[in-house]
PDB file of N, CA and C in Angstrom:
ATOM      1  N   UNK A   1     107.499  79.323 -55.071  1.00  0.00           N
ATOM      2  CA  UNK A   1     106.439  79.239 -54.092  1.00  0.00           C
ATOM      3  C   UNK A   1     105.076  79.504 -54.737  1.00  0.00           C
ATOM      4  N   UNK A   2     104.966  80.615 -55.408  1.00  0.00           N
ATOM      5  CA  UNK A   2     103.696  80.996 -56.046  1.00  0.00           C
ATOM      6  C   UNK A   2     104.034  81.622 -57.396  1.00  0.00           C
ATOM      7  N   UNK A   3     104.137  80.784 -58.438  1.00  0.00           N
ATOM      8  CA  UNK A   3     104.574  81.305 -59.740  1.00  0.00           C
ATOM      9  C   UNK A   3     103.536  82.211 -60.392  1.00  0.00           C
ATOM     10  N   UNK A   4     104.024  83.241 -61.023  1.00  0.00           N
ATOM     11  CA  UNK A   4     103.160  84.158 -61.770  1.00  0.00           C
ATOM     12  C   UNK A   4     102.898  83.580 -63.160  1.00  0.00           C
ATOM     13  N   UNK A   5     101.873  84.071 -63.791  1.00  0.00           N
ATOM     14  CA  UNK A   5     101.537  83.625 -65.135  1.00  0.00           C
ATOM     15  C   UNK A   5     102.649  83.986 -66.108  1.00  0.00           C
ATOM     16  N   UNK A   6     102.830  83.170 -67.119  1.00  0.00           N
ATOM     17  CA  UNK A   6     103.798  83.463 -68.171  1.00  0.00           C
ATOM     18  C   UNK A   6     105.249  83.319 -67.738  1.00  0.00           C
ATOM     19  N   UNK A   7     105.504  82.616 -66.653  1.00  0.00           N
ATOM     20  CA  UNK A   7     106.870  82.417 -66.203  1.00  0.00           C
ATOM     21  C   UNK A   7     107.480  83.611 -65.487  1.00  0.00           C
ATOM     22  N   UNK A   8     106.702  84.646 -65.270  1.00  0.00           N
ATOM     23  CA  UNK A   8     107.193  85.808 -64.532  1.00  0.00           C
ATOM     24  C   UNK A   8     107.305  85.482 -63.047  1.00  0.00           C
ATOM     25  N   UNK A   9     107.882  86.398 -62.294  1.00  0.00           N
ATOM     26  CA  UNK A   9     107.991  86.212 -60.858  1.00  0.00           C
ATOM     27  C   UNK A   9     107.315  87.380 -60.149  1.00  0.00           C
ATOM     28  N   UNK A  10     106.647  87.060 -59.045  1.00  0.00           N
ATOM     29  CA  UNK A  10     106.049  88.095 -58.218  1.00  0.00           C
ATOM     30  C   UNK A  10     107.126  88.744 -57.364  1.00  0.00           C
ATOM     31  N   UNK A  11     106.985  90.025 -57.107  1.00  0.00           N
ATOM     32  CA  UNK A  11     107.907  90.721 -56.222  1.00  0.00           C
ATOM     33  C   UNK A  11     107.654  90.278 -54.789  1.00  0.00           C
ATOM     34  N   UNK A  12     106.389  90.126 -54.432  1.00  0.00           N
ATOM     35  CA  UNK A  12     105.984  89.700 -53.091  1.00  0.00           C
ATOM     36  C   UNK A  12     105.073  88.479 -53.242  1.00  0.00           C
ATOM     37  N   UNK A  13     105.639  87.281 -53.488  1.00  0.00           N
ATOM     38  CA  UNK A  13     104.804  86.108 -53.784  1.00  0.00           C
ATOM     39  C   UNK A  13     103.849  85.730 -52.662  1.00  0.00           C
ATOM     40  N   UNK A  14     104.262  85.864 -51.407  1.00  0.00           N
ATOM     41  CA  UNK A  14     103.378  85.496 -50.299  1.00  0.00           C
ATOM     42  C   UNK A  14     102.175  86.434 -50.228  1.00  0.00           C
ATOM     43  N   UNK A  15     102.386  87.685 -50.550  1.00  0.00           N
ATOM     44  CA  UNK A  15     101.311  88.667 -50.545  1.00  0.00           C
ATOM     45  C   UNK A  15     100.273  88.311 -51.610  1.00  0.00           C
ATOM     46  N   UNK A  16     100.758  88.003 -52.796  1.00  0.00           N
ATOM     47  CA  UNK A  16      99.865  87.643 -53.887  1.00  0.00           C
ATOM     48  C   UNK A  16      99.154  86.327 -53.597  1.00  0.00           C
ATOM     49  N   UNK A  17      99.880  85.359 -53.064  1.00  0.00           N
ATOM     50  CA  UNK A  17      99.289  84.061 -52.748  1.00  0.00           C
ATOM     51  C   UNK A  17      98.168  84.201 -51.729  1.00  0.00           C
ATOM     52  N   UNK A  18      98.410  84.957 -50.666  1.00  0.00           N
ATOM     53  CA  UNK A  18      97.406  85.142 -49.629  1.00  0.00           C
ATOM     54  C   UNK A  18      96.161  85.827 -50.196  1.00  0.00           C
ATOM     55  N   UNK A  19      96.382  86.844 -50.998  1.00  0.00           N
ATOM     56  CA  UNK A  19      95.263  87.575 -51.595  1.00  0.00           C
ATOM     57  C   UNK A  19      94.431  86.658 -52.499  1.00  0.00           C
ATOM     58  N   UNK A  20      95.102  85.850 -53.310  1.00  0.00           N
ATOM     59  CA  UNK A  20      94.382  84.938 -54.207  1.00  0.00           C
ATOM     60  C   UNK A  20      93.692  83.812 -53.442  1.00  0.00           C
ATOM     61  N   UNK A  21      94.359  83.273 -52.441  1.00  0.00           N
ATOM     62  CA  UNK A  21      93.808  82.157 -51.675  1.00  0.00           C
ATOM     63  C   UNK A  21      92.570  82.557 -50.894  1.00  0.00           C
ATOM     64  N   UNK A  22      92.571  83.755 -50.344  1.00  0.00           N
ATOM     65  CA  UNK A  22      91.446  84.200 -49.522  1.00  0.00           C
ATOM     66  C   UNK A  22      90.320  84.848 -50.323  1.00  0.00           C
ATOM     67  N   UNK A  23      90.532  85.062 -51.614  1.00  0.00           N
ATOM     68  CA  UNK A  23      89.512  85.764 -52.401  1.00  0.00           C
ATOM     69  C   UNK A  23      88.181  85.040 -52.386  1.00  0.00           C
ATOM     70  N   UNK A  24      88.176  83.752 -52.668  1.00  0.00           N
ATOM     71  CA  UNK A  24      86.913  83.011 -52.727  1.00  0.00           C
ATOM     72  C   UNK A  24      86.187  82.988 -51.373  1.00  0.00           C
ATOM     73  N   UNK A  25      86.876  82.673 -50.265  1.00  0.00           N
ATOM     74  CA  UNK A  25      86.153  82.681 -48.982  1.00  0.00           C
ATOM     75  C   UNK A  25      85.567  84.056 -48.616  1.00  0.00           C
ATOM     76  N   UNK A  26      86.180  85.136 -49.071  1.00  0.00           N
ATOM     77  CA  UNK A  26      85.689  86.475 -48.747  1.00  0.00           C
ATOM     78  C   UNK A  26      84.759  87.053 -49.819  1.00  0.00           C
ATOM     79  N   UNK A  27      84.434  86.262 -50.826  1.00  0.00           N
ATOM     80  CA  UNK A  27      83.582  86.734 -51.923  1.00  0.00           C
ATOM     81  C   UNK A  27      82.225  87.214 -51.419  1.00  0.00           C
ATOM     82  N   UNK A  28      81.637  86.512 -50.483  1.00  0.00           N
ATOM     83  CA  UNK A  28      80.331  86.920 -49.965  1.00  0.00           C
ATOM     84  C   UNK A  28      80.438  88.148 -49.069  1.00  0.00           C
ATOM     85  N   UNK A  29      81.554  88.285 -48.367  1.00  0.00           N
ATOM     86  CA  UNK A  29      81.745  89.435 -47.487  1.00  0.00           C
ATOM     87  C   UNK A  29      82.015  90.690 -48.304  1.00  0.00           C
ATOM     88  N   UNK A  30      82.860  90.552 -49.345  1.00  0.00           N
ATOM     89  CA  UNK A  30      83.211  91.690 -50.201  1.00  0.00           C
ATOM     90  C   UNK A  30      83.184  91.250 -51.657  1.00  0.00           C
ATOM     91  N   UNK A  31      82.067  91.450 -52.340  1.00  0.00           N
ATOM     92  CA  UNK A  31      81.961  91.007 -53.734  1.00  0.00           C
ATOM     93  C   UNK A  31      82.805  91.823 -54.726  1.00  0.00           C
ATOM     94  N   UNK A  32      83.138  93.049 -54.390  1.00  0.00           N
ATOM     95  CA  UNK A  32      83.911  93.892 -55.300  1.00  0.00           C
ATOM     96  C   UNK A  32      85.390  93.510 -55.257  1.00  0.00           C
ATOM     97  N   UNK A  33      85.946  93.137 -56.408  1.00  0.00           N
ATOM     98  CA  UNK A  33      87.368  92.783 -56.470  1.00  0.00           C
ATOM     99  C   UNK A  33      88.252  93.968 -56.100  1.00  0.00           C
ATOM    100  N   UNK A  34      87.869  95.152 -56.531  1.00  0.00           N
ATOM    101  CA  UNK A  34      88.662  96.347 -56.229  1.00  0.00           C
ATOM    102  C   UNK A  34      88.679  96.627 -54.730  1.00  0.00           C
ATOM    103  N   UNK A  35      87.518  96.579 -54.112  1.00  0.00           N
ATOM    104  CA  UNK A  35      87.441  96.819 -52.667  1.00  0.00           C
ATOM    105  C   UNK A  35      88.208  95.733 -51.905  1.00  0.00           C
ATOM    106  N   UNK A  36      88.132  94.499 -52.378  1.00  0.00           N
ATOM    107  CA  UNK A  36      88.864  93.404 -51.738  1.00  0.00           C
ATOM    108  C   UNK A  36      90.375  93.646 -51.828  1.00  0.00           C
ATOM    109  N   UNK A  37      90.866  94.024 -52.992  1.00  0.00           N
ATOM    110  CA  UNK A  37      92.298  94.299 -53.155  1.00  0.00           C
ATOM    111  C   UNK A  37      92.729  95.467 -52.273  1.00  0.00           C
ATOM    112  N   UNK A  38      91.888  96.485 -52.184  1.00  0.00           N
ATOM    113  CA  UNK A  38      92.187  97.621 -51.304  1.00  0.00           C
ATOM    114  C   UNK A  38      92.258  97.172 -49.843  1.00  0.00           C
ATOM    115  N   UNK A  39      91.335  96.292 -49.449  1.00  0.00           N
ATOM    116  CA  UNK A  39      91.329  95.784 -48.069  1.00  0.00           C
ATOM    117  C   UNK A  39      92.586  94.960 -47.781  1.00  0.00           C
ATOM    118  N   UNK A  40      93.038  94.191 -48.754  1.00  0.00           N
ATOM    119  CA  UNK A  40      94.267  93.403 -48.575  1.00  0.00           C
ATOM    120  C   UNK A  40      95.471  94.322 -48.391  1.00  0.00           C
ATOM    121  N   UNK A  41      95.562  95.356 -49.191  1.00  0.00           N
ATOM    122  CA  UNK A  41      96.672  96.303 -49.068  1.00  0.00           C
ATOM    123  C   UNK A  41      96.621  97.005 -47.720  1.00  0.00           C
ATOM    124  N   UNK A  42      95.434  97.370 -47.293  1.00  0.00           N
ATOM    125  CA  UNK A  42      95.262  98.036 -45.997  1.00  0.00           C
ATOM    126  C   UNK A  42      95.671  97.101 -44.857  1.00  0.00           C
ATOM    127  N   UNK A  43      95.282  95.825 -44.956  1.00  0.00           N
ATOM    128  CA  UNK A  43      95.665  94.829 -43.950  1.00  0.00           C
ATOM    129  C   UNK A  43      97.180  94.737 -43.834  1.00  0.00           C
ATOM    130  N   UNK A  44      97.858  94.630 -44.974  1.00  0.00           N
ATOM    131  CA  UNK A  44      99.326  94.541 -44.964  1.00  0.00           C
ATOM    132  C   UNK A  44      99.944  95.815 -44.385  1.00  0.00           C
ATOM    133  N   UNK A  45      99.408  96.939 -44.734  1.00  0.00           N
ATOM    134  CA  UNK A  45      99.927  98.218 -44.232  1.00  0.00           C
ATOM    135  C   UNK A  45      99.784  98.285 -42.713  1.00  0.00           C
ATOM    136  N   UNK A  46      98.589  97.993 -42.217  1.00  0.00           N
ATOM    137  CA  UNK A  46      98.338  98.081 -40.776  1.00  0.00           C
ATOM    138  C   UNK A  46      99.125  97.024 -40.004  1.00  0.00           C
ATOM    139  N   UNK A  47      99.257  95.835 -40.574  1.00  0.00           N
ATOM    140  CA  UNK A  47     100.073  94.792 -39.950  1.00  0.00           C
ATOM    141  C   UNK A  47     101.514  95.264 -39.837  1.00  0.00           C
ATOM    142  N   UNK A  48     101.988  95.933 -40.848  1.00  0.00           N
ATOM    143  CA  UNK A  48     103.354  96.458 -40.839  1.00  0.00           C
ATOM    144  C   UNK A  48     103.521  97.565 -39.809  1.00  0.00           C
ATOM    145  N   UNK A  49     102.515  98.409 -39.671  1.00  0.00           N
ATOM    146  CA  UNK A  49     102.592  99.442 -38.639  1.00  0.00           C
ATOM    147  C   UNK A  49     102.700  98.810 -37.257  1.00  0.00           C
ATOM    148  N   UNK A  50     101.932  97.767 -37.019  1.00  0.00           N
ATOM    149  CA  UNK A  50     101.986  97.082 -35.726  1.00  0.00           C
ATOM    150  C   UNK A  50     103.351  96.434 -35.526  1.00  0.00           C
ATOM    151  N   UNK A  51     103.916  95.848 -36.587  1.00  0.00           N
ATOM    152  CA  UNK A  51     105.253  95.259 -36.490  1.00  0.00           C
ATOM    153  C   UNK A  51     106.305  96.322 -36.190  1.00  0.00           C
ATOM    154  N   UNK A  52     106.169  97.482 -36.795  1.00  0.00           N
ATOM    155  CA  UNK A  52     107.137  98.559 -36.561  1.00  0.00           C
ATOM    156  C   UNK A  52     107.044  99.093 -35.135  1.00  0.00           C
ATOM    157  N   UNK A  53     105.931  98.857 -34.477  1.00  0.00           N
ATOM    158  CA  UNK A  53     105.753  99.290 -33.096  1.00  0.00           C
ATOM    159  C   UNK A  53     106.565  98.424 -32.128  1.00  0.00           C
ATOM    160  N   UNK A  54     107.182  97.363 -32.637  1.00  0.00           N
ATOM    161  CA  UNK A  54     107.969  96.463 -31.784  1.00  0.00           C
ATOM    162  C   UNK A  54     109.207  97.147 -31.228  1.00  0.00           C
ATOM    163  N   UNK A  55     109.590  98.254 -31.805  1.00  0.00           N
ATOM    164  CA  UNK A  55     110.750  98.983 -31.293  1.00  0.00           C
ATOM    165  C   UNK A  55     111.841  99.106 -32.321  1.00  0.00           C
ATOM    166  N   UNK A  56     113.023  99.432 -31.850  1.00  0.00           N
ATOM    167  CA  UNK A  56     114.150  99.671 -32.743  1.00  0.00           C
ATOM    168  C   UNK A  56     115.035  98.442 -32.928  1.00  0.00           C
ATOM    169  N   UNK A  57     114.594  97.305 -32.449  1.00  0.00           N
ATOM    170  CA  UNK A  57     115.435  96.115 -32.563  1.00  0.00           C
ATOM    171  C   UNK A  57     115.076  95.316 -33.810  1.00  0.00           C
ATOM    172  N   UNK A  58     115.559  94.097 -33.873  1.00  0.00           N
ATOM    173  CA  UNK A  58     115.391  93.254 -35.050  1.00  0.00           C
ATOM    174  C   UNK A  58     113.934  92.882 -35.325  1.00  0.00           C
ATOM    175  N   UNK A  59     113.061  93.028 -34.353  1.00  0.00           N
ATOM    176  CA  UNK A  59     111.649  92.668 -34.554  1.00  0.00           C
ATOM    177  C   UNK A  59     110.884  93.716 -35.341  1.00  0.00           C
ATOM    178  N   UNK A  60     111.402  94.900 -35.441  1.00  0.00           N
ATOM    179  CA  UNK A  60     110.706  95.997 -36.120  1.00  0.00           C
ATOM    180  C   UNK A  60     110.943  95.914 -37.625  1.00  0.00           C
ATOM    181  N   UNK A  61     110.307  94.911 -38.231  1.00  0.00           N
ATOM    182  CA  UNK A  61     110.418  94.695 -39.672  1.00  0.00           C
ATOM    183  C   UNK A  61     109.004  94.584 -40.226  1.00  0.00           C
ATOM    184  N   UNK A  62     108.686  95.341 -41.261  1.00  0.00           N
ATOM    185  CA  UNK A  62     107.321  95.308 -41.794  1.00  0.00           C
ATOM    186  C   UNK A  62     107.020  94.037 -42.582  1.00  0.00           C
ATOM    187  N   UNK A  63     105.751  93.837 -42.803  1.00  0.00           N
ATOM    188  CA  UNK A  63     105.262  92.785 -43.680  1.00  0.00           C
ATOM    189  C   UNK A  63     105.666  93.206 -45.094  1.00  0.00           C
ATOM    190  N   UNK A  64     106.439  92.428 -45.782  1.00  0.00           N
ATOM    191  CA  UNK A  64     106.869  92.800 -47.130  1.00  0.00           C
ATOM    192  C   UNK A  64     105.783  92.404 -48.122  1.00  0.00           C
ATOM    193  N   UNK A  65     104.862  93.300 -48.349  1.00  0.00           N
ATOM    194  CA  UNK A  65     103.729  92.991 -49.206  1.00  0.00           C
ATOM    195  C   UNK A  65     103.571  93.952 -50.363  1.00  0.00           C
ATOM    196  N   UNK A  66     102.566  93.667 -51.174  1.00  0.00           N
ATOM    197  CA  UNK A  66     102.305  94.466 -52.366  1.00  0.00           C
ATOM    198  C   UNK A  66     101.939  95.907 -52.036  1.00  0.00           C
ATOM    199  N   UNK A  67     101.561  96.179 -50.797  1.00  0.00           N
ATOM    200  CA  UNK A  67     101.248  97.551 -50.421  1.00  0.00           C
ATOM    201  C   UNK A  67     102.466  98.456 -50.552  1.00  0.00           C
ATOM    202  N   UNK A  68     103.669  97.866 -50.584  1.00  0.00           N
ATOM    203  CA  UNK A  68     104.891  98.653 -50.752  1.00  0.00           C
ATOM    204  C   UNK A  68     105.046  99.190 -52.174  1.00  0.00           C
ATOM    205  N   UNK A  69     104.351  98.607 -53.123  1.00  0.00           N
ATOM    206  CA  UNK A  69     104.459  99.080 -54.504  1.00  0.00           C
ATOM    207  C   UNK A  69     103.972 100.523 -54.577  1.00  0.00           C
ATOM    208  N   UNK A  70     104.661 101.329 -55.324  1.00  0.00           N
ATOM    209  CA  UNK A  70     104.311 102.745 -55.419  1.00  0.00           C
ATOM    210  C   UNK A  70     102.880 102.955 -55.907  1.00  0.00           C
ATOM    211  N   UNK A  71     102.384 102.024 -56.716  1.00  0.00           N
ATOM    212  CA  UNK A  71     101.016 102.159 -57.212  1.00  0.00           C
ATOM    213  C   UNK A  71      99.997 102.038 -56.082  1.00  0.00           C
ATOM    214  N   UNK A  72     100.347 101.391 -54.987  1.00  0.00           N
ATOM    215  CA  UNK A  72      99.459 101.264 -53.835  1.00  0.00           C
ATOM    216  C   UNK A  72      99.823 102.273 -52.756  1.00  0.00           C
ATOM    217  N   UNK A  73     101.107 102.313 -52.387  1.00  0.00           N
ATOM    218  CA  UNK A  73     101.554 103.244 -51.341  1.00  0.00           C
ATOM    219  C   UNK A  73     101.217 104.662 -51.762  1.00  0.00           C
ATOM    220  N   UNK A  74     101.534 104.975 -53.015  1.00  0.00           N
ATOM    221  CA  UNK A  74     101.182 106.263 -53.597  1.00  0.00           C
ATOM    222  C   UNK A  74     102.270 107.305 -53.490  1.00  0.00           C
ATOM    223  N   UNK A  75     102.100 108.337 -54.281  1.00  0.00           N
ATOM    224  CA  UNK A  75     103.048 109.446 -54.346  1.00  0.00           C
ATOM    225  C   UNK A  75     102.492 110.717 -53.726  1.00  0.00           C
ATOM    226  N   UNK A  76     101.180 110.808 -53.644  1.00  0.00           N
ATOM    227  CA  UNK A  76     100.581 112.078 -53.247  1.00  0.00           C
ATOM    228  C   UNK A  76      99.610 111.882 -52.090  1.00  0.00           C
ATOM    229  N   UNK A  77      98.759 112.853 -51.874  1.00  0.00           N
ATOM    230  CA  UNK A  77      97.833 112.809 -50.744  1.00  0.00           C
ATOM    231  C   UNK A  77      96.582 111.987 -51.023  1.00  0.00           C
ATOM    232  N   UNK A  78      96.542 111.276 -52.142  1.00  0.00           N
ATOM    233  CA  UNK A  78      95.420 110.395 -52.464  1.00  0.00           C
ATOM    234  C   UNK A  78      95.832 108.932 -52.367  1.00  0.00           C
ATOM    235  N   UNK A  79      96.801 108.636 -51.540  1.00  0.00           N
ATOM    236  CA  UNK A  79      97.350 107.292 -51.454  1.00  0.00           C
ATOM    237  C   UNK A  79      96.916 106.598 -50.172  1.00  0.00           C
ATOM    238  N   UNK A  80      97.226 105.325 -50.086  1.00  0.00           N
ATOM    239  CA  UNK A  80      96.928 104.555 -48.888  1.00  0.00           C
ATOM    240  C   UNK A  80      97.670 105.122 -47.682  1.00  0.00           C
ATOM    241  N   UNK A  81      98.936 105.443 -47.851  1.00  0.00           N
ATOM    242  CA  UNK A  81      99.724 105.999 -46.746  1.00  0.00           C
ATOM    243  C   UNK A  81      99.117 107.307 -46.254  1.00  0.00           C
ATOM    244  N   UNK A  82      98.729 108.165 -47.168  1.00  0.00           N
ATOM    245  CA  UNK A  82      98.134 109.453 -46.784  1.00  0.00           C
ATOM    246  C   UNK A  82      96.766 109.258 -46.134  1.00  0.00           C
ATOM    247  N   UNK A  83      96.008 108.292 -46.617  1.00  0.00           N
ATOM    248  CA  UNK A  83      94.695 108.007 -46.041  1.00  0.00           C
ATOM    249  C   UNK A  83      94.832 107.566 -44.588  1.00  0.00           C
ATOM    250  N   UNK A  84      95.749 106.638 -44.346  1.00  0.00           N
ATOM    251  CA  UNK A  84      95.942 106.150 -42.980  1.00  0.00           C
ATOM    252  C   UNK A  84      96.495 107.259 -42.092  1.00  0.00           C
ATOM    253  N   UNK A  85      97.405 108.052 -42.613  1.00  0.00           N
ATOM    254  CA  UNK A  85      97.938 109.166 -41.826  1.00  0.00           C
ATOM    255  C   UNK A  85      96.809 110.112 -41.407  1.00  0.00           C
ATOM    256  N   UNK A  86      95.898 110.392 -42.316  1.00  0.00           N
ATOM    257  CA  UNK A  86      94.782 111.296 -42.014  1.00  0.00           C
ATOM    258  C   UNK A  86      93.816 110.690 -40.992  1.00  0.00           C
ATOM    259  N   UNK A  87      93.728 109.372 -40.953  1.00  0.00           N
ATOM    260  CA  UNK A  87      92.833 108.693 -40.020  1.00  0.00           C
ATOM    261  C   UNK A  87      93.360 108.678 -38.586  1.00  0.00           C
ATOM    262  N   UNK A  88      94.663 108.885 -38.423  1.00  0.00           N
ATOM    263  CA  UNK A  88      95.275 108.768 -37.101  1.00  0.00           C
ATOM    264  C   UNK A  88      94.800 109.891 -36.179  1.00  0.00           C
ATOM    265  N   UNK A  89      93.824 109.559 -35.369  1.00  0.00           N
ATOM    266  CA  UNK A  89      93.292 110.467 -34.351  1.00  0.00           C
ATOM    267  C   UNK A  89      93.096 109.649 -33.080  1.00  0.00           C
ATOM    268  N   UNK A  90      92.754 110.307 -32.006  1.00  0.00           N
ATOM    269  CA  UNK A  90      92.507 109.611 -30.740  1.00  0.00           C
ATOM    270  C   UNK A  90      91.350 108.626 -30.816  1.00  0.00           C
ATOM    271  N   UNK A  91      90.468 108.793 -31.796  1.00  0.00           N
ATOM    272  CA  UNK A  91      89.308 107.905 -31.928  1.00  0.00           C
ATOM    273  C   UNK A  91      89.493 106.854 -33.022  1.00  0.00           C
ATOM    274  N   UNK A  92      90.705 106.719 -33.546  1.00  0.00           N
ATOM    275  CA  UNK A  92      90.983 105.713 -34.578  1.00  0.00           C
ATOM    276  C   UNK A  92      90.642 104.338 -34.021  1.00  0.00           C
ATOM    277  N   UNK A  93      89.858 103.527 -34.722  1.00  0.00           N
ATOM    278  CA  UNK A  93      89.415 102.239 -34.189  1.00  0.00           C
ATOM    279  C   UNK A  93      90.534 101.326 -33.675  1.00  0.00           C
ATOM    280  N   UNK A  94      91.675 101.296 -34.339  1.00  0.00           N
ATOM    281  CA  UNK A  94      92.757 100.438 -33.834  1.00  0.00           C
ATOM    282  C   UNK A  94      93.261 100.919 -32.481  1.00  0.00           C
ATOM    283  N   UNK A  95      93.305 102.224 -32.297  1.00  0.00           N
ATOM    284  CA  UNK A  95      93.735 102.760 -30.996  1.00  0.00           C
ATOM    285  C   UNK A  95      92.722 102.434 -29.912  1.00  0.00           C
ATOM    286  N   UNK A  96      91.458 102.634 -30.208  1.00  0.00           N
ATOM    287  CA  UNK A  96      90.435 102.366 -29.195  1.00  0.00           C
ATOM    288  C   UNK A  96      90.344 100.876 -28.883  1.00  0.00           C
ATOM    289  N   UNK A  97      90.804 100.027 -29.799  1.00  0.00           N
ATOM    290  CA  UNK A  97      90.834  98.581 -29.564  1.00  0.00           C
ATOM    291  C   UNK A  97      92.085  98.159 -28.793  1.00  0.00           C
ATOM    292  N   UNK A  98      93.021  99.086 -28.600  1.00  0.00           N
ATOM    293  CA  UNK A  98      94.199  98.783 -27.801  1.00  0.00           C
ATOM    294  C   UNK A  98      95.503  98.666 -28.557  1.00  0.00           C
ATOM    295  N   UNK A  99      95.473  98.741 -29.881  1.00  0.00           N
ATOM    296  CA  UNK A  99      96.729  98.703 -30.640  1.00  0.00           C
ATOM    297  C   UNK A  99      97.573  99.920 -30.274  1.00  0.00           C
ATOM    298  N   UNK A 100      98.862  99.764 -30.330  1.00  0.00           N
ATOM    299  CA  UNK A 100      99.800 100.839 -30.003  1.00  0.00           C
ATOM    300  C   UNK A 100      99.593 101.334 -28.564  1.00  0.00           C
ATOM    301  N   UNK A 101      99.119 100.426 -27.715  1.00  0.00           N
ATOM    302  CA  UNK A 101      98.856 100.786 -26.325  1.00  0.00           C
ATOM    303  C   UNK A 101      97.784 101.844 -26.192  1.00  0.00           C
ATOM    304  N   UNK A 102      96.993 102.036 -27.261  1.00  0.00           N
ATOM    305  CA  UNK A 102      95.959 103.060 -27.255  1.00  0.00           C
ATOM    306  C   UNK A 102      96.512 104.470 -27.327  1.00  0.00           C
ATOM    307  N   UNK A 103      97.798 104.582 -27.692  1.00  0.00           N
ATOM    308  CA  UNK A 103      98.478 105.884 -27.686  1.00  0.00           C
ATOM    309  C   UNK A 103      98.692 106.396 -29.112  1.00  0.00           C
ATOM    310  N   UNK A 104      98.100 107.528 -29.419  1.00  0.00           N
ATOM    311  CA  UNK A 104      98.235 108.137 -30.743  1.00  0.00           C
ATOM    312  C   UNK A 104      99.697 108.407 -31.113  1.00  0.00           C
ATOM    313  N   UNK A 105     100.533 108.953 -30.222  1.00  0.00           N
ATOM    314  CA  UNK A 105     101.926 109.197 -30.595  1.00  0.00           C
ATOM    315  C   UNK A 105     102.670 107.922 -31.010  1.00  0.00           C
ATOM    316  N   UNK A 106     102.344 106.794 -30.381  1.00  0.00           N
ATOM    317  CA  UNK A 106     102.971 105.523 -30.775  1.00  0.00           C
ATOM    318  C   UNK A 106     102.555 105.124 -32.183  1.00  0.00           C
ATOM    319  N   UNK A 107     101.286 105.308 -32.520  1.00  0.00           N
ATOM    320  CA  UNK A 107     100.810 104.983 -33.869  1.00  0.00           C
ATOM    321  C   UNK A 107     101.478 105.896 -34.894  1.00  0.00           C
ATOM    322  N   UNK A 108     101.590 107.166 -34.575  1.00  0.00           N
ATOM    323  CA  UNK A 108     102.240 108.114 -35.481  1.00  0.00           C
ATOM    324  C   UNK A 108     103.725 107.772 -35.653  1.00  0.00           C
ATOM    325  N   UNK A 109     104.381 107.385 -34.568  1.00  0.00           N
ATOM    326  CA  UNK A 109     105.784 106.994 -34.635  1.00  0.00           C
ATOM    327  C   UNK A 109     105.949 105.737 -35.479  1.00  0.00           C
ATOM    328  N   UNK A 110     105.020 104.811 -35.358  1.00  0.00           N
ATOM    329  CA  UNK A 110     105.062 103.583 -36.144  1.00  0.00           C
ATOM    330  C   UNK A 110     104.901 103.879 -37.634  1.00  0.00           C
ATOM    331  N   UNK A 111     103.969 104.761 -37.970  1.00  0.00           N
ATOM    332  CA  UNK A 111     103.783 105.152 -39.370  1.00  0.00           C
ATOM    333  C   UNK A 111     105.046 105.828 -39.902  1.00  0.00           C
ATOM    334  N   UNK A 112     105.643 106.692 -39.109  1.00  0.00           N
ATOM    335  CA  UNK A 112     106.883 107.360 -39.530  1.00  0.00           C
ATOM    336  C   UNK A 112     108.001 106.335 -39.730  1.00  0.00           C
ATOM    337  N   UNK A 113     108.097 105.351 -38.842  1.00  0.00           N
ATOM    338  CA  UNK A 113     109.128 104.317 -38.970  1.00  0.00           C
ATOM    339  C   UNK A 113     108.901 103.480 -40.220  1.00  0.00           C
ATOM    340  N   UNK A 114     107.645 103.157 -40.517  1.00  0.00           N
ATOM    341  CA  UNK A 114     107.325 102.386 -41.720  1.00  0.00           C
ATOM    342  C   UNK A 114     107.664 103.190 -42.971  1.00  0.00           C
ATOM    343  N   UNK A 115     107.328 104.457 -42.977  1.00  0.00           N
ATOM    344  CA  UNK A 115     107.624 105.328 -44.113  1.00  0.00           C
ATOM    345  C   UNK A 115     109.132 105.439 -44.319  1.00  0.00           C
ATOM    346  N   UNK A 116     109.867 105.578 -43.230  1.00  0.00           N
ATOM    347  CA  UNK A 116     111.327 105.650 -43.312  1.00  0.00           C
ATOM    348  C   UNK A 116     111.902 104.329 -43.815  1.00  0.00           C
ATOM    349  N   UNK A 117     111.374 103.219 -43.330  1.00  0.00           N
ATOM    350  CA  UNK A 117     111.851 101.899 -43.758  1.00  0.00           C
ATOM    351  C   UNK A 117     111.635 101.732 -45.254  1.00  0.00           C
ATOM    352  N   UNK A 118     110.461 102.122 -45.742  1.00  0.00           N
ATOM    353  CA  UNK A 118     110.179 102.006 -47.185  1.00  0.00           C
ATOM    354  C   UNK A 118     111.143 102.858 -47.993  1.00  0.00           C
ATOM    355  N   UNK A 119     111.437 104.065 -47.510  1.00  0.00           N
ATOM    356  CA  UNK A 119     112.354 104.950 -48.223  1.00  0.00           C
ATOM    357  C   UNK A 119     113.752 104.338 -48.317  1.00  0.00           C
ATOM    358  N   UNK A 120     114.164 103.634 -47.285  1.00  0.00           N
ATOM    359  CA  UNK A 120     115.495 103.016 -47.277  1.00  0.00           C
ATOM    360  C   UNK A 120     115.552 101.725 -48.082  1.00  0.00           C
ATOM    361  N   UNK A 121     114.485 100.923 -47.993  1.00  0.00           N
ATOM    362  CA  UNK A 121     114.539  99.567 -48.552  1.00  0.00           C
ATOM    363  C   UNK A 121     113.673  99.376 -49.782  1.00  0.00           C
ATOM    364  N   UNK A 122     112.547 100.012 -49.821  1.00  0.00           N
ATOM    365  CA  UNK A 122     111.644  99.923 -50.978  1.00  0.00           C
ATOM    366  C   UNK A 122     111.427  98.515 -51.468  1.00  0.00           C
ATOM    367  N   UNK A 123     111.420  98.369 -52.779  1.00  0.00           N
ATOM    368  CA  UNK A 123     111.169  97.060 -53.410  1.00  0.00           C
ATOM    369  C   UNK A 123     112.377  96.159 -53.377  1.00  0.00           C
ATOM    370  N   UNK A 124     113.509  96.663 -52.954  1.00  0.00           N
ATOM    371  CA  UNK A 124     114.716  95.851 -52.965  1.00  0.00           C
ATOM    372  C   UNK A 124     114.769  94.786 -51.896  1.00  0.00           C
ATOM    373  N   UNK A 125     113.768  94.778 -51.009  1.00  0.00           N
ATOM    374  CA  UNK A 125     113.806  93.829 -49.913  1.00  0.00           C
ATOM    375  C   UNK A 125     113.171  92.532 -50.279  1.00  0.00           C
TER     376      UNK A 125
END
């Protein structure tokens, strides 16, 4: 689908393809490559949280993206997961916009479900 350089394979080819395809159109909005990559990882993370809010059935499956890589998800309190966890308050913009029914406990439950899913499946998915 989206071959890596040197004949290698991407772990999450759709994630890499989307990030590369959208880079040029978003160049004027975000000129920093680092900030753009961070925004892509955050998008995948938040999209996955919303997917996990679907419940305990077959629909509760996260976006399998590069944000799952330990280098992005992180090991400590300086990671993307920890950053989003710290942001979860009643005034979090996604909640005030209506995500998770505007309910903080639902957002927290979704983050916990995503964290649990990653622990069970990790990169093997």
